[in-house]
Each structure stands twice: as structure tokens, then as C-alpha cells.
Amino acid sequence: MYAIFSVLIVITCVLLVLVVLVQNPKGGGLSATFGGGNQVMGVKKTADFLEKATWYLAIALLVLSLASNFTISSLNSDGIQNQSIIQEQLDETAIPTEALPSLPIQESSTE
């Protein structure tokens, strides 16, 4: 189930990037500086569609991210042990039982 959410998240991200890049910039910015400010590539309905698509894709990305988070949480509650490799290595490491060597103590003479 997590793999399905991961694929859907990647598809949503790619679509969101494409929709944002296709939009016509509303401000002057660099496009007005280099002479591209007068180009009109579509009608107002296209701009409205792209803006709505941006919002819907952003909301879908948020919902899919939350759903994938709940999917991960449900895997852990089903009794499947989901420890990391580092934690497993730490658990298997033997702790030395003998004491650590001590440093020789030097008495300082303050005469």
C-alpha cells in the first residue's frame, strides 16, 4: 500500500511542477525585462484552469502525504517489527564485561 502512495505522490509532484511551469507569470519580473511581457499564450479560461489545477494538485499532494504517513503507522501497529539496521546492530553488539583500564594516578606535590 505504501508503494502505491509513493507512486501517486511522485506522479502528483511531476504534474504539479509541469502545471506551475506552464502558467503565465502575472508580474513583470524577468519576462517584462526581456520583452516577453506582451505575449499572450491563451485565454482567461486557461489561466483559471491552470490555477485550479495547481490548487487541486497541491491538496492532493498533501492528502497523499498524510495517507502514506498513516500507512507507515499501521504497518508498525500490526506487529511487524520495523527497526532500522543500525538499531539491530546496536542490539546485537556485546557489551564488554571487564572494567576499563584505569590511568595511573599521580599525586602532585604542592610544597
N, C-alpha and C. Protein backbone atom coordinates (compact mmCIF):
# COMPACT_ATOMS: atom_id res chain seq x y z
N MET A 1 0.82 -1.19 0.00
CA MET A 1 0.00 0.00 0.00
C MET A 1 0.87 1.27 0.00
N TYR A 2 1.97 1.19 0.75
CA TYR A 2 2.86 2.36 0.80
C TYR A 2 3.47 2.63 -0.58
N ALA A 3 3.76 1.58 -1.34
CA ALA A 3 4.34 1.75 -2.67
C ALA A 3 3.36 2.46 -3.60
N ILE A 4 2.08 2.16 -3.47
CA ILE A 4 1.07 2.82 -4.30
C ILE A 4 1.02 4.31 -3.99
N PHE A 5 1.04 4.64 -2.68
CA PHE A 5 1.04 6.05 -2.31
C PHE A 5 2.31 6.75 -2.79
N SER A 6 3.43 6.06 -2.74
CA SER A 6 4.68 6.67 -3.19
C SER A 6 4.63 6.99 -4.68
N VAL A 7 4.10 6.08 -5.46
CA VAL A 7 3.99 6.31 -6.91
C VAL A 7 3.03 7.46 -7.19
N LEU A 8 1.91 7.49 -6.47
CA LEU A 8 0.95 8.58 -6.67
C LEU A 8 1.53 9.93 -6.26
N ILE A 9 2.33 9.94 -5.22
CA ILE A 9 2.97 11.19 -4.79
C ILE A 9 3.95 11.68 -5.84
N VAL A 10 4.73 10.78 -6.42
CA VAL A 10 5.70 11.18 -7.46
C VAL A 10 4.96 11.70 -8.70
N ILE A 11 3.89 11.04 -9.10
CA ILE A 11 3.12 11.49 -10.26
C ILE A 11 2.51 12.87 -9.99
N THR A 12 1.97 13.06 -8.78
CA THR A 12 1.39 14.35 -8.42
C THR A 12 2.44 15.45 -8.43
N CYS A 13 3.62 15.15 -7.93
CA CYS A 13 4.70 16.15 -7.91
C CYS A 13 5.11 16.55 -9.32
N VAL A 14 5.23 15.58 -10.21
CA VAL A 14 5.62 15.89 -11.59
C VAL A 14 4.55 16.74 -12.26
N LEU A 15 3.27 16.37 -12.07
CA LEU A 15 2.19 17.15 -12.67
C LEU A 15 2.14 18.56 -12.09
N LEU A 16 2.38 18.68 -10.80
CA LEU A 16 2.37 20.00 -10.16
C LEU A 16 3.48 20.88 -10.72
N VAL A 17 4.65 20.32 -10.90
CA VAL A 17 5.76 21.09 -11.47
C VAL A 17 5.43 21.54 -12.90
N LEU A 18 4.87 20.64 -13.69
CA LEU A 18 4.52 20.99 -15.07
C LEU A 18 3.45 22.08 -15.12
N VAL A 19 2.43 21.97 -14.28
CA VAL A 19 1.36 22.97 -14.28
C VAL A 19 1.90 24.34 -13.85
N VAL A 20 2.78 24.36 -12.86
CA VAL A 20 3.33 25.63 -12.41
C VAL A 20 4.23 26.25 -13.49
N LEU A 21 4.98 25.43 -14.19
CA LEU A 21 5.85 25.96 -15.24
C LEU A 21 5.09 26.46 -16.45
N VAL A 22 3.91 25.91 -16.71
CA VAL A 22 3.13 26.32 -17.88
C VAL A 22 2.43 27.65 -17.64
N GLN A 23 2.17 27.99 -16.38
CA GLN A 23 1.42 29.21 -16.08
C GLN A 23 2.15 30.45 -16.56
N ASN A 24 1.36 31.41 -16.98
CA ASN A 24 1.89 32.70 -17.43
C ASN A 24 2.15 33.56 -16.20
N PRO A 25 3.36 34.11 -16.06
CA PRO A 25 3.63 34.93 -14.88
C PRO A 25 2.76 36.18 -14.86
N LYS A 26 2.22 36.51 -13.70
CA LYS A 26 1.33 37.66 -13.59
C LYS A 26 2.08 38.97 -13.38
N GLY A 27 3.26 38.89 -12.80
CA GLY A 27 4.03 40.11 -12.54
C GLY A 27 4.96 40.41 -13.69
N GLY A 28 5.65 41.55 -13.57
CA GLY A 28 6.62 41.93 -14.60
C GLY A 28 7.83 41.03 -14.55
N GLY A 29 8.62 41.18 -13.52
CA GLY A 29 9.77 40.32 -13.29
C GLY A 29 10.71 40.26 -14.48
N LEU A 30 11.30 39.10 -14.69
CA LEU A 30 12.26 38.91 -15.77
C LEU A 30 11.60 38.88 -17.14
N SER A 31 10.35 38.38 -17.19
CA SER A 31 9.71 38.29 -18.51
C SER A 31 9.47 39.68 -19.10
N ALA A 32 9.15 40.66 -18.28
CA ALA A 32 8.95 42.02 -18.80
C ALA A 32 10.29 42.65 -19.18
N THR A 33 11.33 42.30 -18.48
CA THR A 33 12.65 42.85 -18.77
C THR A 33 13.16 42.39 -20.13
N PHE A 34 12.93 41.15 -20.47
CA PHE A 34 13.46 40.61 -21.73
C PHE A 34 12.45 40.64 -22.87
N GLY A 35 11.36 41.36 -22.71
CA GLY A 35 10.44 41.55 -23.82
C GLY A 35 9.37 40.49 -23.94
N GLY A 36 9.28 39.56 -23.03
CA GLY A 36 8.27 38.51 -23.13
C GLY A 36 6.99 38.88 -22.42
N GLY A 37 6.87 40.10 -21.94
CA GLY A 37 5.70 40.50 -21.17
C GLY A 37 4.46 40.71 -22.01
N ASN A 38 4.59 40.89 -23.32
CA ASN A 38 3.44 41.17 -24.17
C ASN A 38 2.84 39.92 -24.78
N GLN A 39 3.47 38.78 -24.59
CA GLN A 39 2.94 37.56 -25.19
C GLN A 39 1.74 37.07 -24.40
N VAL A 40 0.70 36.73 -25.13
CA VAL A 40 -0.48 36.13 -24.52
C VAL A 40 -0.65 34.76 -25.16
N MET A 41 -0.46 33.71 -24.37
CA MET A 41 -0.49 32.36 -24.92
C MET A 41 -1.87 31.72 -24.87
N GLY A 42 -2.80 32.25 -24.12
CA GLY A 42 -4.11 31.62 -24.04
C GLY A 42 -5.14 32.60 -23.55
N VAL A 43 -6.32 32.09 -23.34
CA VAL A 43 -7.40 32.93 -22.88
C VAL A 43 -7.50 32.85 -21.37
N LYS A 44 -8.43 33.63 -20.80
CA LYS A 44 -8.57 33.68 -19.35
C LYS A 44 -9.00 32.34 -18.78
N LYS A 45 -9.76 31.57 -19.51
CA LYS A 45 -10.22 30.28 -19.00
C LYS A 45 -9.04 29.32 -18.81
N THR A 46 -8.03 29.43 -19.65
CA THR A 46 -6.86 28.58 -19.49
C THR A 46 -6.11 28.93 -18.21
N ALA A 47 -5.99 30.21 -17.93
CA ALA A 47 -5.32 30.64 -16.70
C ALA A 47 -6.11 30.17 -15.48
N ASP A 48 -7.45 30.25 -15.55
CA ASP A 48 -8.27 29.78 -14.44
C ASP A 48 -8.12 28.27 -14.25
N PHE A 49 -8.09 27.54 -15.35
CA PHE A 49 -7.93 26.09 -15.25
C PHE A 49 -6.59 25.72 -14.63
N LEU A 50 -5.53 26.41 -15.06
CA LEU A 50 -4.20 26.11 -14.52
C LEU A 50 -4.11 26.46 -13.04
N GLU A 51 -4.76 27.56 -12.64
CA GLU A 51 -4.75 27.93 -11.23
C GLU A 51 -5.51 26.91 -10.39
N LYS A 52 -6.67 26.47 -10.88
CA LYS A 52 -7.44 25.45 -10.15
C LYS A 52 -6.69 24.13 -10.11
N ALA A 53 -6.03 23.79 -11.22
CA ALA A 53 -5.26 22.54 -11.25
C ALA A 53 -4.11 22.59 -10.25
N THR A 54 -3.49 23.76 -10.11
CA THR A 54 -2.42 23.91 -9.13
C THR A 54 -2.94 23.67 -7.72
N TRP A 55 -4.08 24.26 -7.39
CA TRP A 55 -4.65 24.07 -6.05
C TRP A 55 -5.04 22.61 -5.81
N TYR A 56 -5.71 22.00 -6.80
CA TYR A 56 -6.13 20.61 -6.63
C TYR A 56 -4.94 19.66 -6.48
N LEU A 57 -3.90 19.89 -7.27
CA LEU A 57 -2.72 19.03 -7.17
C LEU A 57 -1.99 19.24 -5.84
N ALA A 58 -1.95 20.49 -5.35
CA ALA A 58 -1.31 20.74 -4.06
C ALA A 58 -2.09 20.08 -2.93
N ILE A 59 -3.41 20.15 -2.98
CA ILE A 59 -4.24 19.49 -1.96
C ILE A 59 -4.09 17.97 -2.07
N ALA A 60 -4.05 17.44 -3.29
CA ALA A 60 -3.87 16.00 -3.47
C ALA A 60 -2.52 15.55 -2.92
N LEU A 61 -1.49 16.36 -3.12
CA LEU A 61 -0.17 16.03 -2.59
C LEU A 61 -0.18 15.99 -1.07
N LEU A 62 -0.86 16.94 -0.46
CA LEU A 62 -0.98 16.97 0.99
C LEU A 62 -1.73 15.75 1.51
N VAL A 63 -2.85 15.42 0.89
CA VAL A 63 -3.65 14.26 1.32
C VAL A 63 -2.88 12.96 1.13
N LEU A 64 -2.20 12.82 0.00
CA LEU A 64 -1.43 11.59 -0.24
C LEU A 64 -0.27 11.46 0.75
N SER A 65 0.35 12.58 1.09
CA SER A 65 1.44 12.52 2.06
C SER A 65 0.94 12.09 3.43
N LEU A 66 -0.20 12.63 3.85
CA LEU A 66 -0.77 12.22 5.13
C LEU A 66 -1.22 10.76 5.10
N ALA A 67 -1.80 10.33 3.99
CA ALA A 67 -2.25 8.94 3.89
C ALA A 67 -1.06 7.98 3.92
N SER A 68 0.03 8.35 3.29
CA SER A 68 1.21 7.48 3.33
C SER A 68 1.79 7.41 4.73
N ASN A 69 1.69 8.51 5.47
CA ASN A 69 2.16 8.52 6.85
C ASN A 69 1.32 7.56 7.71
N PHE A 70 0.00 7.56 7.52
CA PHE A 70 -0.86 6.64 8.27
C PHE A 70 -0.62 5.19 7.84
N THR A 71 -0.25 4.98 6.60
CA THR A 71 0.07 3.63 6.13
C THR A 71 1.31 3.11 6.83
N ILE A 72 2.31 3.95 7.00
CA ILE A 72 3.52 3.55 7.71
C ILE A 72 3.19 3.24 9.17
N SER A 73 2.36 4.06 9.79
CA SER A 73 1.99 3.84 11.19
C SER A 73 1.22 2.54 11.35
N SER A 74 0.37 2.20 10.40
CA SER A 74 -0.41 0.97 10.52
C SER A 74 0.48 -0.27 10.34
N LEU A 75 1.55 -0.14 9.58
CA LEU A 75 2.46 -1.27 9.45
C LEU A 75 3.11 -1.60 10.78
N ASN A 76 3.45 -0.60 11.55
CA ASN A 76 4.09 -0.82 12.83
C ASN A 76 3.11 -1.38 13.85
N SER A 77 1.84 -1.02 13.79
CA SER A 77 0.87 -1.48 14.77
C SER A 77 0.41 -2.91 14.50
N ASP A 78 0.67 -3.45 13.32
CA ASP A 78 0.27 -4.82 13.01
C ASP A 78 1.22 -5.85 13.56
N GLY A 79 2.25 -5.42 14.24
CA GLY A 79 3.18 -6.36 14.83
C GLY A 79 4.40 -6.62 13.97
N ILE A 80 4.48 -5.99 12.85
CA ILE A 80 5.66 -6.15 12.01
C ILE A 80 6.76 -5.29 12.60
N GLN A 81 7.88 -5.93 12.90
CA GLN A 81 8.98 -5.19 13.52
C GLN A 81 9.69 -4.40 12.44
N ASN A 82 9.75 -3.12 12.62
CA ASN A 82 10.28 -2.23 11.60
C ASN A 82 11.47 -1.45 12.16
N GLN A 83 12.48 -2.15 12.65
CA GLN A 83 13.64 -1.48 13.20
C GLN A 83 14.65 -1.20 12.09
N SER A 84 15.46 -0.23 12.36
CA SER A 84 16.49 0.08 11.38
C SER A 84 17.66 -0.89 11.53
N ILE A 85 18.49 -0.95 10.53
CA ILE A 85 19.65 -1.83 10.54
C ILE A 85 20.62 -1.40 11.64
N ILE A 86 20.75 -0.11 11.84
CA ILE A 86 21.66 0.38 12.88
C ILE A 86 21.19 -0.04 14.26
N GLN A 87 19.87 0.04 14.49
CA GLN A 87 19.34 -0.37 15.79
C GLN A 87 19.54 -1.87 16.01
N GLU A 88 19.38 -2.67 14.96
CA GLU A 88 19.61 -4.11 15.09
C GLU A 88 21.08 -4.40 15.42
N GLN A 89 22.00 -3.67 14.78
CA GLN A 89 23.42 -3.88 15.07
C GLN A 89 23.76 -3.46 16.50
N LEU A 90 23.15 -2.40 16.98
CA LEU A 90 23.39 -1.98 18.36
C LEU A 90 22.86 -3.01 19.36
N ASP A 91 21.71 -3.60 19.05
CA ASP A 91 21.14 -4.61 19.94
C ASP A 91 21.99 -5.87 19.99
N GLU A 92 22.62 -6.21 18.87
CA GLU A 92 23.41 -7.44 18.80
C GLU A 92 24.84 -7.27 19.31
N THR A 93 25.29 -6.04 19.48
CA THR A 93 26.66 -5.79 19.92
C THR A 93 26.81 -6.20 21.38
N ALA A 94 27.87 -6.97 21.64
CA ALA A 94 28.15 -7.42 23.01
C ALA A 94 28.79 -6.30 23.80
N ILE A 95 28.34 -6.12 25.01
CA ILE A 95 28.90 -5.10 25.88
C ILE A 95 30.02 -5.74 26.69
N PRO A 96 31.22 -5.16 26.68
CA PRO A 96 32.33 -5.77 27.42
C PRO A 96 32.02 -5.78 28.92
N THR A 97 32.34 -6.92 29.55
CA THR A 97 32.03 -7.05 30.98
C THR A 97 33.20 -6.67 31.86
N GLU A 98 34.42 -6.76 31.36
CA GLU A 98 35.54 -6.38 32.21
C GLU A 98 35.65 -4.87 32.29
N ALA A 99 36.22 -4.42 33.38
CA ALA A 99 36.32 -2.99 33.62
C ALA A 99 37.34 -2.37 32.67
N LEU A 100 37.15 -1.13 32.39
CA LEU A 100 38.09 -0.40 31.55
C LEU A 100 39.38 -0.17 32.32
N PRO A 101 40.50 -0.18 31.63
CA PRO A 101 41.76 0.06 32.34
C PRO A 101 41.79 1.48 32.90
N SER A 102 42.35 1.58 34.10
CA SER A 102 42.40 2.89 34.73
C SER A 102 43.76 3.52 34.50
N LEU A 103 43.78 4.81 34.48
CA LEU A 103 45.02 5.54 34.29
C LEU A 103 45.76 5.64 35.63
N PRO A 104 47.08 5.62 35.58
CA PRO A 104 47.82 5.77 36.84
C PRO A 104 47.59 7.16 37.43
N ILE A 105 47.42 7.18 38.73
CA ILE A 105 47.15 8.43 39.43
C ILE A 105 48.47 9.00 39.91
N GLN A 106 48.74 10.21 39.56
CA GLN A 106 49.94 10.89 40.01
C GLN A 106 49.57 11.91 41.06
N GLU A 107 50.27 11.82 42.16
CA GLU A 107 49.99 12.79 43.22
C GLU A 107 50.88 14.00 42.98
N SER A 108 50.27 15.12 43.00
CA SER A 108 51.05 16.33 42.80
C SER A 108 51.51 16.84 44.16
N SER A 109 52.71 17.25 44.20
CA SER A 109 53.24 17.77 45.46
C SER A 109 53.21 19.28 45.41
N THR A 110 52.54 19.84 46.37
CA THR A 110 52.44 21.29 46.44
C THR A 110 53.27 21.78 47.62
N GLU A 111 54.56 21.66 47.49
CA GLU A 111 55.44 22.05 48.60
C GLU A 111 55.90 23.46 48.48
